[in-house]
Amino acid sequence: MIAEAIRDILIENNQCWPDEVYRQLAGRLPRKRSYLTVIRLMKALVEIGLIEFVGSEPGTELLDRSLYRVKPGYEDDPRWKEYPLHVLYPSTRLGSIEYKARRLAGIPIPTGRAPEYAKD
């Protein structure tokens, strides 16, 4: 639900910076999210490969605004329906007991990172 709201905001504005996404999310979600949560979710969406950094434009005197957009062709990806951190870290859905059992057995824990963000 939150990923779909972020996607809709980015598509409506063509490209957007996280501050604007945060402001627009307040009116679309039943519960307000913190600014840090929105930044964390957008970072996860970048690592998953659903949104991409476009560039930056001058912002305040200290910081530039980083612009993001939905990657072309990923507008209808089924991963938008999931919570971004669950896609990025699938082991969070396993629960602690199954996660520990897999680690002890040497079974690899999957990741939802896009290939360009996969750790070697």
Protein backbone atom coordinates (compact mmCIF):
# COMPACT_ATOMS: atom_id res chain seq x y z
CA MET A 1 0.00 0.00 0.00
CA ILE A 2 2.73 2.51 0.90
CA ALA A 3 4.91 1.46 -2.05
CA GLU A 4 1.96 1.92 -4.39
CA ALA A 5 1.32 5.39 -2.95
CA ILE A 6 4.99 6.33 -3.49
CA ARG A 7 4.78 4.96 -7.05
CA ASP A 8 1.65 6.99 -7.77
CA ILE A 9 3.26 10.20 -6.47
CA LEU A 10 6.38 9.65 -8.58
CA ILE A 11 4.33 8.89 -11.70
CA GLU A 12 2.05 11.92 -11.22
CA ASN A 13 5.02 14.27 -10.82
CA ASN A 14 7.23 12.45 -13.36
CA GLN A 15 10.13 12.86 -10.92
CA CYS A 16 10.16 13.98 -7.34
CA TRP A 17 12.44 14.45 -4.34
CA PRO A 18 11.84 12.62 -1.04
CA ASP A 19 10.60 15.74 0.81
CA GLU A 20 7.77 16.17 -1.66
CA VAL A 21 6.92 12.46 -1.52
CA TYR A 22 6.74 12.74 2.28
CA ARG A 23 4.39 15.74 2.11
CA GLN A 24 2.07 14.12 -0.41
CA LEU A 25 1.96 10.79 1.45
CA ALA A 26 0.36 12.47 4.47
CA GLY A 27 -2.92 12.90 2.61
CA ARG A 28 -2.96 9.45 0.98
CA LEU A 29 -2.32 7.09 3.87
CA PRO A 30 -4.54 6.38 6.86
CA ARG A 31 -1.59 6.65 9.23
CA LYS A 32 1.15 9.27 9.04
CA ARG A 33 4.70 7.96 8.52
CA SER A 34 7.82 9.62 9.81
CA TYR A 35 10.17 11.37 7.41
CA LEU A 36 12.91 8.86 8.23
CA THR A 37 10.58 5.96 7.37
CA VAL A 38 9.78 7.47 3.97
CA ILE A 39 13.51 7.98 3.26
CA ARG A 40 14.23 4.38 4.31
CA LEU A 41 11.44 3.05 2.09
CA MET A 42 12.60 5.07 -0.91
CA LYS A 43 16.16 3.77 -0.40
CA ALA A 44 14.77 0.24 -0.30
CA LEU A 45 12.82 0.85 -3.54
CA VAL A 46 16.05 2.02 -5.19
CA GLU A 47 17.90 -1.11 -4.04
CA ILE A 48 15.04 -3.34 -5.20
CA GLY A 49 15.28 -1.67 -8.61
CA LEU A 50 11.81 -0.12 -8.85
CA ILE A 51 12.85 3.54 -8.71
CA GLU A 52 16.01 5.26 -9.83
CA PHE A 53 18.00 8.39 -9.08
CA VAL A 54 17.56 10.92 -11.89
CA GLY A 55 19.77 13.77 -10.78
CA SER A 56 19.82 16.68 -8.42
CA GLU A 57 18.76 20.28 -8.52
CA PRO A 58 19.68 23.17 -6.26
CA GLY A 59 17.80 23.10 -2.99
CA THR A 60 18.75 24.90 0.18
CA GLU A 61 22.12 26.55 0.57
CA LEU A 62 23.50 23.38 2.19
CA LEU A 63 21.83 20.53 0.33
CA ASP A 64 20.80 19.76 -3.22
CA ARG A 65 17.51 17.99 -3.93
CA SER A 66 17.87 14.42 -5.17
CA LEU A 67 15.26 13.58 -7.79
CA TYR A 68 13.85 10.08 -8.24
CA ARG A 69 11.45 8.49 -10.70
CA VAL A 70 9.87 5.11 -11.35
CA LYS A 71 12.10 3.03 -13.61
CA PRO A 72 10.56 2.81 -17.08
CA GLY A 73 8.79 -0.51 -17.52
CA TYR A 74 8.37 -1.15 -13.78
CA GLU A 75 5.13 0.77 -13.29
CA ASP A 76 3.05 -2.42 -13.00
CA ASP A 77 5.63 -4.66 -11.30
CA PRO A 78 3.94 -6.97 -8.75
CA ARG A 79 6.51 -6.01 -6.10
CA TRP A 80 4.74 -2.64 -5.66
CA LYS A 81 2.02 -4.48 -3.72
CA GLU A 82 4.55 -5.67 -1.11
CA TYR A 83 6.13 -3.75 1.75
CA PRO A 84 9.53 -2.60 0.35
CA LEU A 85 11.59 -3.81 3.30
CA HIS A 86 10.02 -7.28 3.06
CA VAL A 87 10.99 -7.44 -0.61
CA LEU A 88 14.52 -6.22 0.14
CA TYR A 89 14.96 -8.51 3.14
CA PRO A 90 12.83 -11.62 2.52
CA SER A 91 14.24 -13.28 5.62
CA THR A 92 12.17 -10.91 7.77
CA ARG A 93 9.12 -12.92 6.75
CA LEU A 94 10.73 -16.19 7.84
CA GLY A 95 10.58 -15.38 11.53
CA SER A 96 13.51 -15.67 13.90
CA ILE A 97 13.29 -19.45 14.45
CA GLU A 98 13.33 -20.41 10.77
CA TYR A 99 15.97 -17.74 10.03
CA LYS A 100 18.30 -19.15 12.71
CA ALA A 101 17.70 -22.70 11.49
CA ARG A 102 18.64 -21.73 7.93
CA ARG A 103 21.77 -19.89 9.10
CA LEU A 104 22.90 -22.86 11.18
CA ALA A 105 22.23 -25.28 8.31
CA GLY A 106 24.20 -23.09 5.89
CA ILE A 107 21.19 -22.46 3.66
CA PRO A 108 21.62 -19.12 1.86
CA ILE A 109 19.20 -16.38 2.83
CA PRO A 110 17.75 -14.71 -0.29
CA THR A 111 17.83 -10.99 -0.95
CA GLY A 112 15.51 -8.83 -3.01
CA ARG A 113 18.25 -6.45 -4.20
CA ALA A 114 18.50 -5.55 -7.85
CA PRO A 115 21.59 -7.08 -9.50
CA GLU A 116 23.43 -3.75 -9.55
CA TYR A 117 23.06 -3.52 -5.74
CA ALA A 118 23.79 -7.18 -4.94
CA LYS A 119 26.69 -7.67 -2.57
CA ASP A 120 29.40 -10.07 -3.64
